[in-house]
């Protein structure tokens, strides 16, 4: 099955894991995708490889950025925007507080989707969605 066929099947069934399985980087990062209440929920399972500061046991900022970007991409896919993986134009990440050594979650919402470019907002948290650890604005070619 091609990636385009895998994405189409994921949209039809609502199961995003076959697409995640086709992206080795997401597997290495421990990022999983699911759909809850009609929206994509990304989960980054904790692993020592994600630590950026071993003294404070804080996650590396790059791992948070990858989680936020992934949540945004999969929200676009779930919403039916494009037949292939959207191409990132730019991403701006705001680091709001230190993310400690535990699972981290992210969700995204479509701000504006045009014919060629989509603007997506993503938020990451650990224990409480009202206390985010990072957020991002992303622009994609669709």
N, C-alpha and C. Protein backbone atom coordinates (compact mmCIF):
# COMPACT_ATOMS: atom_id res chain seq x y z
N UNK A 1 0.85 -1.18 0.00
CA UNK A 1 0.00 0.00 0.00
C UNK A 1 0.90 1.25 0.00
N UNK A 2 0.59 2.21 -0.84
CA UNK A 2 1.37 3.44 -0.91
C UNK A 2 1.00 4.35 0.26
N UNK A 3 1.81 5.39 0.46
CA UNK A 3 1.53 6.35 1.52
C UNK A 3 0.20 7.06 1.27
N UNK A 4 -0.08 7.41 0.02
CA UNK A 4 -1.35 8.07 -0.32
C UNK A 4 -2.52 7.16 0.04
N UNK A 5 -2.41 5.89 -0.29
CA UNK A 5 -3.47 4.93 0.04
C UNK A 5 -3.60 4.75 1.55
N UNK A 6 -2.47 4.74 2.26
CA UNK A 6 -2.49 4.61 3.72
C UNK A 6 -3.18 5.81 4.35
N UNK A 7 -2.90 7.02 3.85
CA UNK A 7 -3.54 8.22 4.38
C UNK A 7 -5.04 8.19 4.11
N UNK A 8 -5.43 7.80 2.90
CA UNK A 8 -6.86 7.72 2.56
C UNK A 8 -7.57 6.72 3.47
N UNK A 9 -6.95 5.59 3.72
CA UNK A 9 -7.53 4.57 4.59
C UNK A 9 -7.63 5.09 6.03
N UNK A 10 -6.61 5.81 6.48
CA UNK A 10 -6.64 6.37 7.85
C UNK A 10 -7.77 7.38 8.00
N UNK A 11 -8.01 8.19 6.97
CA UNK A 11 -9.13 9.13 7.02
C UNK A 11 -10.47 8.41 7.08
N UNK A 12 -10.57 7.35 6.31
CA UNK A 12 -11.83 6.60 6.24
C UNK A 12 -12.13 5.90 7.57
N UNK A 13 -11.11 5.31 8.19
CA UNK A 13 -11.32 4.53 9.41
C UNK A 13 -11.13 5.33 10.69
N UNK A 14 -10.41 6.46 10.60
CA UNK A 14 -10.10 7.24 11.81
C UNK A 14 -8.92 6.68 12.58
N UNK A 15 -8.27 5.63 12.06
CA UNK A 15 -7.10 5.03 12.71
C UNK A 15 -5.84 5.58 12.06
N UNK A 16 -5.11 6.44 12.79
CA UNK A 16 -3.93 7.10 12.25
C UNK A 16 -2.65 6.28 12.42
N UNK A 17 -2.69 5.23 13.21
CA UNK A 17 -1.47 4.45 13.49
C UNK A 17 -0.81 3.86 12.25
N UNK A 18 -1.55 3.41 11.21
CA UNK A 18 -0.85 2.91 10.02
C UNK A 18 0.02 3.98 9.36
N UNK A 19 -0.39 5.25 9.43
CA UNK A 19 0.43 6.32 8.89
C UNK A 19 1.65 6.53 9.77
N UNK A 20 1.46 6.52 11.09
CA UNK A 20 2.58 6.68 12.03
C UNK A 20 3.61 5.57 11.80
N UNK A 21 3.14 4.36 11.57
CA UNK A 21 4.04 3.22 11.35
C UNK A 21 4.89 3.39 10.10
N UNK A 22 4.46 4.22 9.17
CA UNK A 22 5.22 4.46 7.93
C UNK A 22 6.29 5.54 8.10
N UNK A 23 6.35 6.17 9.30
CA UNK A 23 7.30 7.26 9.55
C UNK A 23 8.24 6.83 10.68
N UNK A 24 9.43 6.32 10.35
CA UNK A 24 10.36 5.80 11.36
C UNK A 24 10.71 6.81 12.45
N UNK A 25 10.82 8.09 12.10
CA UNK A 25 11.17 9.11 13.10
C UNK A 25 10.13 9.17 14.22
N UNK A 26 8.86 9.07 13.88
CA UNK A 26 7.82 9.09 14.91
C UNK A 26 7.91 7.86 15.81
N UNK A 27 8.24 6.74 15.23
CA UNK A 27 8.41 5.52 16.03
C UNK A 27 9.57 5.68 16.99
N UNK A 28 10.70 6.21 16.51
CA UNK A 28 11.87 6.39 17.37
C UNK A 28 11.57 7.37 18.50
N UNK A 29 10.82 8.42 18.20
CA UNK A 29 10.46 9.43 19.20
C UNK A 29 9.42 8.92 20.19
N UNK A 30 8.75 7.83 19.87
CA UNK A 30 7.70 7.32 20.74
C UNK A 30 6.41 8.11 20.62
N UNK A 31 6.16 8.67 19.44
CA UNK A 31 4.95 9.47 19.22
C UNK A 31 3.86 8.59 18.65
N UNK A 32 2.70 8.65 19.30
CA UNK A 32 1.51 7.91 18.88
C UNK A 32 0.42 8.91 18.54
N UNK A 33 -0.48 8.54 17.65
CA UNK A 33 -1.59 9.40 17.27
C UNK A 33 -2.90 8.67 17.47
N UNK A 34 -3.86 9.40 17.97
CA UNK A 34 -5.20 8.86 18.13
C UNK A 34 -6.21 9.97 17.90
N UNK A 35 -7.46 9.58 17.81
CA UNK A 35 -8.53 10.56 17.63
C UNK A 35 -9.47 10.46 18.82
N UNK A 36 -9.66 11.59 19.51
CA UNK A 36 -10.57 11.65 20.64
C UNK A 36 -11.52 12.82 20.45
N UNK A 37 -12.80 12.54 20.53
CA UNK A 37 -13.83 13.58 20.35
C UNK A 37 -13.66 14.33 19.04
N UNK A 38 -13.28 13.63 17.99
CA UNK A 38 -13.16 14.22 16.67
C UNK A 38 -11.89 15.00 16.41
N UNK A 39 -10.96 15.03 17.38
CA UNK A 39 -9.70 15.77 17.21
C UNK A 39 -8.53 14.82 17.44
N UNK A 40 -7.42 15.13 16.80
CA UNK A 40 -6.21 14.32 16.94
C UNK A 40 -5.56 14.60 18.29
N UNK A 41 -5.17 13.53 18.97
CA UNK A 41 -4.40 13.63 20.21
C UNK A 41 -3.08 12.90 19.98
N UNK A 42 -1.99 13.66 20.07
CA UNK A 42 -0.65 13.08 19.92
C UNK A 42 -0.08 12.81 21.30
N UNK A 43 0.53 11.65 21.46
CA UNK A 43 1.16 11.27 22.73
C UNK A 43 2.62 10.92 22.46
N UNK A 44 3.52 11.57 23.21
CA UNK A 44 4.94 11.25 23.12
C UNK A 44 5.30 10.51 24.40
N UNK A 45 5.53 9.21 24.27
CA UNK A 45 5.86 8.38 25.42
C UNK A 45 7.26 8.73 25.91
N UNK A 46 7.41 8.87 27.22
CA UNK A 46 8.69 9.25 27.79
C UNK A 46 9.73 8.17 27.56
N UNK A 47 10.94 8.61 27.28
CA UNK A 47 12.12 7.76 27.18
C UNK A 47 13.34 8.61 27.47
N UNK A 48 14.39 8.02 28.05
CA UNK A 48 15.60 8.79 28.38
C UNK A 48 16.21 9.48 27.16
N UNK A 49 15.97 8.94 25.97
CA UNK A 49 16.53 9.55 24.76
C UNK A 49 15.94 10.95 24.50
N UNK A 50 14.84 11.30 25.16
CA UNK A 50 14.18 12.59 24.96
C UNK A 50 14.70 13.69 25.89
N UNK A 51 15.55 13.31 26.85
CA UNK A 51 16.04 14.27 27.85
C UNK A 51 17.07 15.20 27.22
N UNK A 52 16.91 16.49 27.49
CA UNK A 52 17.87 17.49 27.03
C UNK A 52 18.73 18.01 28.16
N UNK A 53 18.20 17.95 29.39
CA UNK A 53 18.95 18.42 30.56
C UNK A 53 18.84 17.33 31.63
N UNK A 54 19.92 16.58 31.80
CA UNK A 54 19.89 15.45 32.74
C UNK A 54 19.92 15.89 34.20
N UNK A 55 20.40 17.08 34.47
CA UNK A 55 20.42 17.59 35.84
C UNK A 55 18.99 17.85 36.33
N UNK A 56 18.20 18.51 35.49
CA UNK A 56 16.82 18.85 35.86
C UNK A 56 15.80 17.84 35.33
N UNK A 57 16.27 16.84 34.57
CA UNK A 57 15.40 15.82 33.98
C UNK A 57 14.33 16.47 33.09
N UNK A 58 14.76 17.44 32.29
CA UNK A 58 13.85 18.17 31.41
C UNK A 58 13.96 17.65 29.98
N UNK A 59 12.83 17.59 29.30
CA UNK A 59 12.82 17.15 27.91
C UNK A 59 13.52 18.18 27.03
N UNK A 60 14.15 17.69 25.97
CA UNK A 60 14.82 18.55 25.00
C UNK A 60 13.75 19.34 24.23
N UNK A 61 14.02 20.62 23.99
CA UNK A 61 13.07 21.45 23.27
C UNK A 61 12.76 20.95 21.87
N UNK A 62 13.74 20.34 21.23
CA UNK A 62 13.51 19.80 19.89
C UNK A 62 12.49 18.68 19.86
N UNK A 63 12.45 17.90 20.93
CA UNK A 63 11.45 16.82 20.98
C UNK A 63 10.05 17.41 21.12
N UNK A 64 9.94 18.49 21.88
CA UNK A 64 8.63 19.16 22.01
C UNK A 64 8.20 19.77 20.68
N UNK A 65 9.16 20.38 19.97
CA UNK A 65 8.86 20.93 18.65
C UNK A 65 8.40 19.85 17.68
N UNK A 66 9.06 18.70 17.72
CA UNK A 66 8.67 17.59 16.84
C UNK A 66 7.26 17.09 17.18
N UNK A 67 6.94 17.02 18.46
CA UNK A 67 5.61 16.60 18.87
C UNK A 67 4.55 17.58 18.38
N UNK A 68 4.81 18.87 18.55
CA UNK A 68 3.86 19.89 18.11
C UNK A 68 3.66 19.87 16.60
N UNK A 69 4.76 19.77 15.86
CA UNK A 69 4.66 19.71 14.40
C UNK A 69 3.89 18.47 13.95
N UNK A 70 4.17 17.35 14.59
CA UNK A 70 3.48 16.10 14.24
C UNK A 70 1.98 16.20 14.51
N UNK A 71 1.62 16.77 15.65
CA UNK A 71 0.20 16.95 15.97
C UNK A 71 -0.48 17.81 14.91
N UNK A 72 0.20 18.87 14.48
CA UNK A 72 -0.37 19.76 13.46
C UNK A 72 -0.54 19.05 12.12
N UNK A 73 0.47 18.28 11.70
CA UNK A 73 0.41 17.54 10.44
C UNK A 73 -0.76 16.56 10.47
N UNK A 74 -0.87 15.81 11.56
CA UNK A 74 -1.92 14.79 11.61
C UNK A 74 -3.31 15.40 11.77
N UNK A 75 -3.41 16.58 12.35
CA UNK A 75 -4.71 17.27 12.39
C UNK A 75 -5.13 17.66 10.97
N UNK A 76 -4.17 18.14 10.18
CA UNK A 76 -4.48 18.44 8.77
C UNK A 76 -4.90 17.18 8.01
N UNK A 77 -4.18 16.09 8.22
CA UNK A 77 -4.53 14.84 7.55
C UNK A 77 -5.92 14.36 7.97
N UNK A 78 -6.19 14.43 9.26
CA UNK A 78 -7.48 13.98 9.78
C UNK A 78 -8.63 14.84 9.25
N UNK A 79 -8.35 16.12 9.05
CA UNK A 79 -9.38 17.04 8.54
C UNK A 79 -9.60 16.87 7.04
N UNK A 80 -8.79 16.04 6.41
CA UNK A 80 -8.98 15.78 4.99
C UNK A 80 -8.33 16.80 4.08
N UNK A 81 -7.29 17.45 4.56
CA UNK A 81 -6.60 18.47 3.76
C UNK A 81 -5.39 17.86 3.08
N UNK A 82 -5.51 17.56 1.80
CA UNK A 82 -4.40 17.02 1.03
C UNK A 82 -4.36 15.50 1.06
N UNK A 83 -3.72 14.94 0.04
CA UNK A 83 -3.62 13.49 -0.07
C UNK A 83 -2.27 12.96 0.36
N UNK A 84 -1.32 13.85 0.60
CA UNK A 84 0.01 13.44 1.05
C UNK A 84 0.33 14.20 2.33
N UNK A 85 1.49 13.89 2.92
CA UNK A 85 1.89 14.62 4.12
C UNK A 85 2.12 16.09 3.77
N UNK A 86 1.52 17.00 4.52
CA UNK A 86 1.74 18.44 4.25
C UNK A 86 3.21 18.78 4.44
N UNK A 87 3.70 19.75 3.66
CA UNK A 87 5.09 20.20 3.77
C UNK A 87 5.14 21.43 4.65
N UNK A 88 6.03 21.39 5.63
CA UNK A 88 6.17 22.51 6.56
C UNK A 88 6.81 23.70 5.84
N UNK A 89 6.24 24.88 6.03
CA UNK A 89 6.83 26.12 5.53
C UNK A 89 7.65 26.73 6.66
N UNK A 90 7.00 26.90 7.81
CA UNK A 90 7.72 27.37 9.00
C UNK A 90 6.96 26.98 10.25
N UNK A 91 7.68 27.01 11.36
CA UNK A 91 7.09 26.71 12.66
C UNK A 91 7.73 27.65 13.68
N UNK A 92 6.90 28.20 14.53
CA UNK A 92 7.37 29.04 15.63
C UNK A 92 6.91 28.38 16.92
N UNK A 93 7.86 27.98 17.74
CA UNK A 93 7.55 27.29 18.99
C UNK A 93 7.77 28.23 20.16
N UNK A 94 6.79 28.28 21.05
CA UNK A 94 6.92 29.03 22.29
C UNK A 94 7.08 28.01 23.42
N UNK A 95 8.20 28.07 24.12
CA UNK A 95 8.45 27.19 25.26
C UNK A 95 7.95 27.92 26.50
N UNK A 96 6.94 27.36 27.14
CA UNK A 96 6.24 28.06 28.21
C UNK A 96 6.70 27.66 29.61
N UNK A 97 7.10 26.41 29.78
CA UNK A 97 7.63 25.93 31.07
C UNK A 97 8.42 24.66 30.81
N UNK A 98 9.20 24.29 31.77
CA UNK A 98 10.02 23.10 31.63
C UNK A 98 9.13 21.86 31.57
N UNK A 99 9.43 20.96 30.63
CA UNK A 99 8.70 19.70 30.51
C UNK A 99 9.54 18.61 31.18
N UNK A 100 8.96 17.96 32.17
CA UNK A 100 9.73 16.97 32.94
C UNK A 100 9.68 15.59 32.30
N UNK A 101 10.29 14.64 32.95
CA UNK A 101 10.49 13.29 32.42
C UNK A 101 9.25 12.41 32.58
N UNK A 102 8.24 12.70 31.77
CA UNK A 102 7.02 11.88 31.71
C UNK A 102 6.34 12.08 30.36
N UNK A 103 5.30 11.33 30.11
CA UNK A 103 4.59 11.41 28.83
C UNK A 103 4.10 12.84 28.60
N UNK A 104 4.09 13.23 27.33
CA UNK A 104 3.66 14.56 26.93
C UNK A 104 2.61 14.40 25.83
N UNK A 105 1.60 15.27 25.86
CA UNK A 105 0.47 15.19 24.94
C UNK A 105 0.39 16.48 24.13
N UNK A 106 -0.20 16.40 22.95
CA UNK A 106 -0.38 17.59 22.12
C UNK A 106 -1.65 17.45 21.30
N UNK A 107 -2.26 18.59 21.05
CA UNK A 107 -3.39 18.65 20.13
C UNK A 107 -3.20 19.89 19.26
N UNK A 108 -3.91 19.92 18.15
CA UNK A 108 -3.78 21.04 17.23
C UNK A 108 -5.16 21.44 16.72
N UNK A 109 -5.24 22.67 16.28
CA UNK A 109 -6.49 23.16 15.68
C UNK A 109 -6.15 23.96 14.43
N UNK A 110 -7.00 23.82 13.44
CA UNK A 110 -6.81 24.53 12.19
C UNK A 110 -7.26 25.98 12.39
N UNK A 111 -6.37 26.91 12.11
CA UNK A 111 -6.70 28.33 12.23
C UNK A 111 -7.27 28.82 10.91
N UNK A 112 -6.58 28.54 9.82
CA UNK A 112 -7.02 28.95 8.49
C UNK A 112 -6.45 27.99 7.48
N UNK A 113 -7.29 27.50 6.60
CA UNK A 113 -6.84 26.61 5.54
C UNK A 113 -7.26 27.22 4.21
N UNK A 114 -6.26 27.57 3.42
CA UNK A 114 -6.51 28.12 2.10
C UNK A 114 -6.30 27.06 1.03
N UNK A 115 -6.22 27.52 -0.21
CA UNK A 115 -6.02 26.57 -1.31
C UNK A 115 -4.62 25.97 -1.30
N UNK A 116 -3.63 26.76 -0.83
CA UNK A 116 -2.24 26.28 -0.87
C UNK A 116 -1.57 26.21 0.49
N UNK A 117 -1.98 27.06 1.42
CA UNK A 117 -1.29 27.16 2.71
C UNK A 117 -2.30 26.97 3.84
N UNK A 118 -1.87 26.27 4.86
CA UNK A 118 -2.69 26.07 6.07
C UNK A 118 -1.94 26.63 7.27
N UNK A 119 -2.67 27.27 8.17
CA UNK A 119 -2.13 27.81 9.42
C UNK A 119 -2.73 26.98 10.54
N UNK A 120 -1.86 26.38 11.36
CA UNK A 120 -2.31 25.47 12.41
C UNK A 120 -1.67 25.88 13.74
N UNK A 121 -2.43 25.81 14.81
CA UNK A 121 -1.96 26.11 16.17
C UNK A 121 -1.92 24.79 16.93
N UNK A 122 -0.81 24.50 17.62
CA UNK A 122 -0.67 23.27 18.41
C UNK A 122 -0.25 23.62 19.83
N UNK A 123 -0.71 22.81 20.78
CA UNK A 123 -0.40 23.00 22.19
C UNK A 123 0.01 21.67 22.79
N UNK A 124 1.09 21.69 23.61
CA UNK A 124 1.57 20.48 24.29
C UNK A 124 1.47 20.67 25.80
N UNK A 125 1.12 19.59 26.51
CA UNK A 125 1.00 19.61 27.96
C UNK A 125 1.40 18.25 28.52
N UNK A 126 1.55 18.19 29.83
CA UNK A 126 1.88 16.92 30.47
C UNK A 126 0.75 16.42 31.37
N UNK A 127 0.42 17.14 32.40
CA UNK A 127 -0.61 16.68 33.34
C UNK A 127 -1.96 17.33 33.11
N UNK A 128 -1.95 18.59 32.74
CA UNK A 128 -3.17 19.38 32.67
C UNK A 128 -3.18 20.20 31.39
N UNK A 129 -4.15 19.99 30.50
CA UNK A 129 -4.18 20.75 29.25
C UNK A 129 -4.26 22.27 29.45
N UNK A 130 -4.73 22.70 30.61
CA UNK A 130 -4.81 24.14 30.86
C UNK A 130 -3.46 24.72 31.29
N UNK A 131 -2.43 23.86 31.47
CA UNK A 131 -1.08 24.30 31.83
C UNK A 131 -0.09 23.78 30.77
N UNK A 132 -0.11 24.38 29.57
CA UNK A 132 0.76 23.89 28.49
C UNK A 132 2.25 24.10 28.79
N UNK A 133 3.06 23.20 28.24
CA UNK A 133 4.51 23.33 28.37
C UNK A 133 5.10 24.01 27.13
N UNK A 134 4.39 23.93 26.00
CA UNK A 134 4.84 24.57 24.77
C UNK A 134 3.65 24.73 23.82
N UNK A 135 3.78 25.68 22.91
CA UNK A 135 2.77 25.85 21.88
C UNK A 135 3.49 26.24 20.59
N UNK A 136 2.79 26.15 19.48
CA UNK A 136 3.42 26.45 18.20
C UNK A 136 2.40 26.95 17.20
N UNK A 137 2.85 27.81 16.32
CA UNK A 137 2.12 28.20 15.11
C UNK A 137 2.87 27.58 13.95
N UNK A 138 2.15 26.90 13.07
CA UNK A 138 2.77 26.22 11.94
C UNK A 138 2.08 26.65 10.64
N UNK A 139 2.88 26.76 9.59
CA UNK A 139 2.34 27.00 8.24
C UNK A 139 2.79 25.83 7.37
N UNK A 140 1.83 25.31 6.62
CA UNK A 140 2.10 24.15 5.75
C UNK A 140 1.63 24.43 4.34
N UNK A 141 2.34 23.83 3.37
CA UNK A 141 1.84 23.76 2.01
C UNK A 141 0.93 22.54 1.94
N UNK A 142 -0.27 22.73 1.43
CA UNK A 142 -1.23 21.63 1.36
C UNK A 142 -1.62 21.36 -0.09
